[in-house]
N, C-alpha and C. Protein backbone atom coordinates (compact mmCIF):
# COMPACT_ATOMS: atom_id res chain seq x y z
N MET A 1 25.32 -2.91 1.11
CA MET A 1 24.43 -3.29 0.03
C MET A 1 24.64 -2.34 -1.14
N ALA A 2 24.80 -2.89 -2.32
CA ALA A 2 25.06 -2.09 -3.51
C ALA A 2 23.80 -1.32 -3.92
N VAL A 3 24.01 -0.17 -4.51
CA VAL A 3 22.90 0.65 -5.00
C VAL A 3 22.38 0.01 -6.28
N LYS A 4 21.09 -0.21 -6.33
CA LYS A 4 20.46 -0.84 -7.50
C LYS A 4 20.04 0.23 -8.50
N PRO A 5 20.06 -0.11 -9.78
CA PRO A 5 19.56 0.85 -10.78
C PRO A 5 18.10 1.19 -10.51
N PRO A 6 17.69 2.44 -10.77
CA PRO A 6 16.31 2.87 -10.49
C PRO A 6 15.25 1.99 -11.16
N LYS A 7 15.49 1.56 -12.39
CA LYS A 7 14.49 0.74 -13.08
C LYS A 7 14.29 -0.58 -12.34
N ARG A 8 15.38 -1.18 -11.92
CA ARG A 8 15.30 -2.46 -11.21
C ARG A 8 14.58 -2.30 -9.86
N ARG A 9 14.87 -1.20 -9.18
CA ARG A 9 14.22 -0.91 -7.90
C ARG A 9 12.72 -0.72 -8.09
N SER A 10 12.36 -0.02 -9.16
CA SER A 10 10.95 0.21 -9.47
C SER A 10 10.23 -1.10 -9.78
N GLU A 11 10.89 -1.97 -10.53
CA GLU A 11 10.30 -3.28 -10.85
C GLU A 11 10.11 -4.11 -9.57
N ARG A 12 11.09 -4.06 -8.70
CA ARG A 12 11.01 -4.81 -7.44
C ARG A 12 9.86 -4.28 -6.58
N LEU A 13 9.73 -2.96 -6.50
CA LEU A 13 8.64 -2.36 -5.74
C LEU A 13 7.30 -2.81 -6.31
N SER A 14 7.19 -2.78 -7.61
CA SER A 14 5.94 -3.17 -8.26
C SER A 14 5.57 -4.62 -7.94
N ARG A 15 6.54 -5.51 -8.01
CA ARG A 15 6.29 -6.93 -7.70
C ARG A 15 5.91 -7.12 -6.24
N ARG A 16 6.65 -6.48 -5.36
CA ARG A 16 6.37 -6.64 -3.92
C ARG A 16 5.04 -6.03 -3.54
N LYS A 17 4.72 -4.89 -4.14
CA LYS A 17 3.43 -4.25 -3.87
C LYS A 17 2.29 -5.17 -4.31
N SER A 18 2.43 -5.75 -5.48
CA SER A 18 1.43 -6.66 -6.00
C SER A 18 1.26 -7.87 -5.09
N THR A 19 2.37 -8.42 -4.62
CA THR A 19 2.33 -9.57 -3.71
C THR A 19 1.65 -9.20 -2.40
N LEU A 20 1.98 -8.04 -1.86
CA LEU A 20 1.39 -7.60 -0.60
C LEU A 20 -0.12 -7.39 -0.73
N ILE A 21 -0.55 -6.80 -1.83
CA ILE A 21 -1.98 -6.60 -2.06
C ILE A 21 -2.69 -7.94 -2.22
N ASN A 22 -2.03 -8.87 -2.91
CA ASN A 22 -2.58 -10.22 -3.05
C ASN A 22 -2.76 -10.88 -1.69
N LYS A 23 -1.77 -10.76 -0.83
CA LYS A 23 -1.84 -11.35 0.52
C LYS A 23 -2.95 -10.69 1.34
N ALA A 24 -3.11 -9.39 1.21
CA ALA A 24 -4.17 -8.69 1.93
C ALA A 24 -5.53 -9.19 1.46
N HIS A 25 -5.66 -9.38 0.15
CA HIS A 25 -6.92 -9.91 -0.40
C HIS A 25 -7.20 -11.32 0.12
N GLU A 26 -6.18 -12.17 0.11
CA GLU A 26 -6.35 -13.53 0.62
C GLU A 26 -6.72 -13.54 2.09
N LEU A 27 -6.07 -12.69 2.87
CA LEU A 27 -6.37 -12.61 4.30
C LEU A 27 -7.83 -12.22 4.51
N ALA A 28 -8.31 -11.26 3.76
CA ALA A 28 -9.70 -10.81 3.88
C ALA A 28 -10.65 -11.93 3.49
N GLU A 29 -10.35 -12.61 2.41
CA GLU A 29 -11.25 -13.63 1.89
C GLU A 29 -11.25 -14.90 2.76
N PHE A 30 -10.07 -15.40 3.08
CA PHE A 30 -9.98 -16.69 3.78
C PHE A 30 -10.27 -16.59 5.27
N CYS A 31 -10.00 -15.44 5.87
CA CYS A 31 -10.18 -15.29 7.32
C CYS A 31 -11.42 -14.46 7.66
N ASP A 32 -12.16 -14.04 6.65
CA ASP A 32 -13.38 -13.27 6.84
C ASP A 32 -13.15 -12.04 7.72
N VAL A 33 -12.15 -11.23 7.33
CA VAL A 33 -11.85 -10.00 8.05
C VAL A 33 -11.81 -8.84 7.06
N ASP A 34 -11.96 -7.62 7.57
CA ASP A 34 -11.81 -6.42 6.75
C ASP A 34 -10.34 -6.01 6.78
N VAL A 35 -9.79 -5.71 5.62
CA VAL A 35 -8.38 -5.33 5.53
C VAL A 35 -8.27 -3.98 4.84
N ALA A 36 -7.46 -3.10 5.41
CA ALA A 36 -7.14 -1.81 4.80
C ALA A 36 -5.63 -1.70 4.76
N LEU A 37 -5.10 -1.30 3.62
CA LEU A 37 -3.65 -1.28 3.43
C LEU A 37 -3.25 0.04 2.80
N ILE A 38 -2.20 0.67 3.35
CA ILE A 38 -1.64 1.89 2.79
C ILE A 38 -0.16 1.61 2.53
N ILE A 39 0.27 1.86 1.31
CA ILE A 39 1.68 1.72 0.95
C ILE A 39 2.15 3.09 0.48
N ARG A 40 3.24 3.58 1.06
CA ARG A 40 3.76 4.90 0.68
C ARG A 40 5.18 4.74 0.15
N ASN A 41 5.41 5.25 -1.05
CA ASN A 41 6.73 5.25 -1.63
C ASN A 41 7.50 6.42 -1.03
N ARG A 42 8.56 6.15 -0.30
CA ARG A 42 9.31 7.21 0.37
C ARG A 42 9.96 8.18 -0.61
N GLN A 43 10.40 7.67 -1.75
CA GLN A 43 11.09 8.53 -2.72
C GLN A 43 10.16 9.49 -3.41
N THR A 44 8.99 9.02 -3.81
CA THR A 44 8.06 9.88 -4.56
C THR A 44 6.96 10.47 -3.69
N GLY A 45 6.73 9.87 -2.51
CA GLY A 45 5.65 10.33 -1.65
C GLY A 45 4.28 9.84 -2.11
N ARG A 46 4.27 8.99 -3.13
CA ARG A 46 3.01 8.49 -3.69
C ARG A 46 2.42 7.40 -2.78
N TYR A 47 1.09 7.43 -2.63
CA TYR A 47 0.38 6.47 -1.80
C TYR A 47 -0.39 5.48 -2.66
N PHE A 48 -0.41 4.23 -2.24
CA PHE A 48 -1.22 3.20 -2.84
C PHE A 48 -2.11 2.64 -1.74
N THR A 49 -3.37 2.43 -2.03
CA THR A 49 -4.28 1.93 -1.00
C THR A 49 -5.03 0.71 -1.49
N TYR A 50 -5.42 -0.12 -0.52
CA TYR A 50 -6.24 -1.30 -0.81
C TYR A 50 -7.23 -1.45 0.33
N ASN A 51 -8.45 -1.81 0.00
CA ASN A 51 -9.42 -2.14 1.04
C ASN A 51 -10.25 -3.33 0.58
N SER A 52 -10.62 -4.14 1.53
CA SER A 52 -11.35 -5.36 1.20
C SER A 52 -12.86 -5.16 1.17
N VAL A 53 -13.32 -4.01 1.64
CA VAL A 53 -14.76 -3.71 1.62
C VAL A 53 -14.96 -2.37 0.94
N ASP A 54 -16.14 -2.18 0.39
CA ASP A 54 -16.46 -0.92 -0.27
C ASP A 54 -16.96 0.10 0.75
N LEU A 55 -16.14 1.07 1.05
CA LEU A 55 -16.51 2.12 1.99
C LEU A 55 -16.36 3.47 1.30
N GLU A 56 -17.30 4.36 1.54
CA GLU A 56 -17.19 5.70 0.97
C GLU A 56 -15.99 6.45 1.53
N SER A 57 -15.64 6.15 2.77
CA SER A 57 -14.55 6.87 3.42
C SER A 57 -13.18 6.29 3.09
N TRP A 58 -13.12 5.32 2.21
CA TRP A 58 -11.85 4.71 1.87
C TRP A 58 -11.65 4.71 0.37
N PRO A 59 -10.55 5.00 -0.16
CA PRO A 59 -9.32 5.33 0.55
C PRO A 59 -9.33 6.78 1.01
N PRO A 60 -8.64 7.05 2.10
CA PRO A 60 -8.57 8.43 2.58
C PRO A 60 -7.70 9.26 1.63
N SER A 61 -7.88 10.56 1.68
CA SER A 61 -7.05 11.44 0.86
C SER A 61 -5.64 11.48 1.45
N LYS A 62 -4.69 11.94 0.66
CA LYS A 62 -3.31 12.04 1.14
C LYS A 62 -3.24 12.94 2.39
N GLU A 63 -4.02 14.01 2.39
CA GLU A 63 -4.03 14.91 3.55
C GLU A 63 -4.54 14.21 4.80
N GLN A 64 -5.59 13.38 4.65
CA GLN A 64 -6.11 12.64 5.80
C GLN A 64 -5.08 11.64 6.32
N ILE A 65 -4.37 10.99 5.41
CA ILE A 65 -3.35 10.03 5.82
C ILE A 65 -2.25 10.73 6.60
N VAL A 66 -1.77 11.85 6.09
CA VAL A 66 -0.69 12.58 6.75
C VAL A 66 -1.15 13.10 8.11
N ARG A 67 -2.40 13.55 8.20
CA ARG A 67 -2.94 14.04 9.46
C ARG A 67 -3.05 12.92 10.48
N GLN A 68 -3.55 11.75 10.03
CA GLN A 68 -3.78 10.62 10.93
C GLN A 68 -2.46 9.95 11.35
N TRP A 69 -1.54 9.80 10.39
CA TRP A 69 -0.27 9.13 10.67
C TRP A 69 0.88 10.04 10.24
N PRO A 70 1.24 11.03 11.05
CA PRO A 70 2.26 12.01 10.67
C PRO A 70 3.65 11.39 10.43
N CYS A 71 3.92 10.24 11.02
CA CYS A 71 5.24 9.62 10.85
C CYS A 71 5.43 9.05 9.44
N LEU A 72 4.34 8.92 8.66
CA LEU A 72 4.47 8.42 7.29
C LEU A 72 5.02 9.53 6.46
């Protein structure tokens, strides 16, 4: 697989992240379930979170995520 330019890769990540968050929202709404989503960019280490309900404990801090799921 050819190496993609960084700008194109960033655009693709942005689109896919948006689609995934949309799907999580639809799943929560249409199936009446609570959804929590964590997306981590491996290159930057930046975390994106989504939750379908308002909880004080969400989103967790980066330290809590690393502690809970060390493989991320």
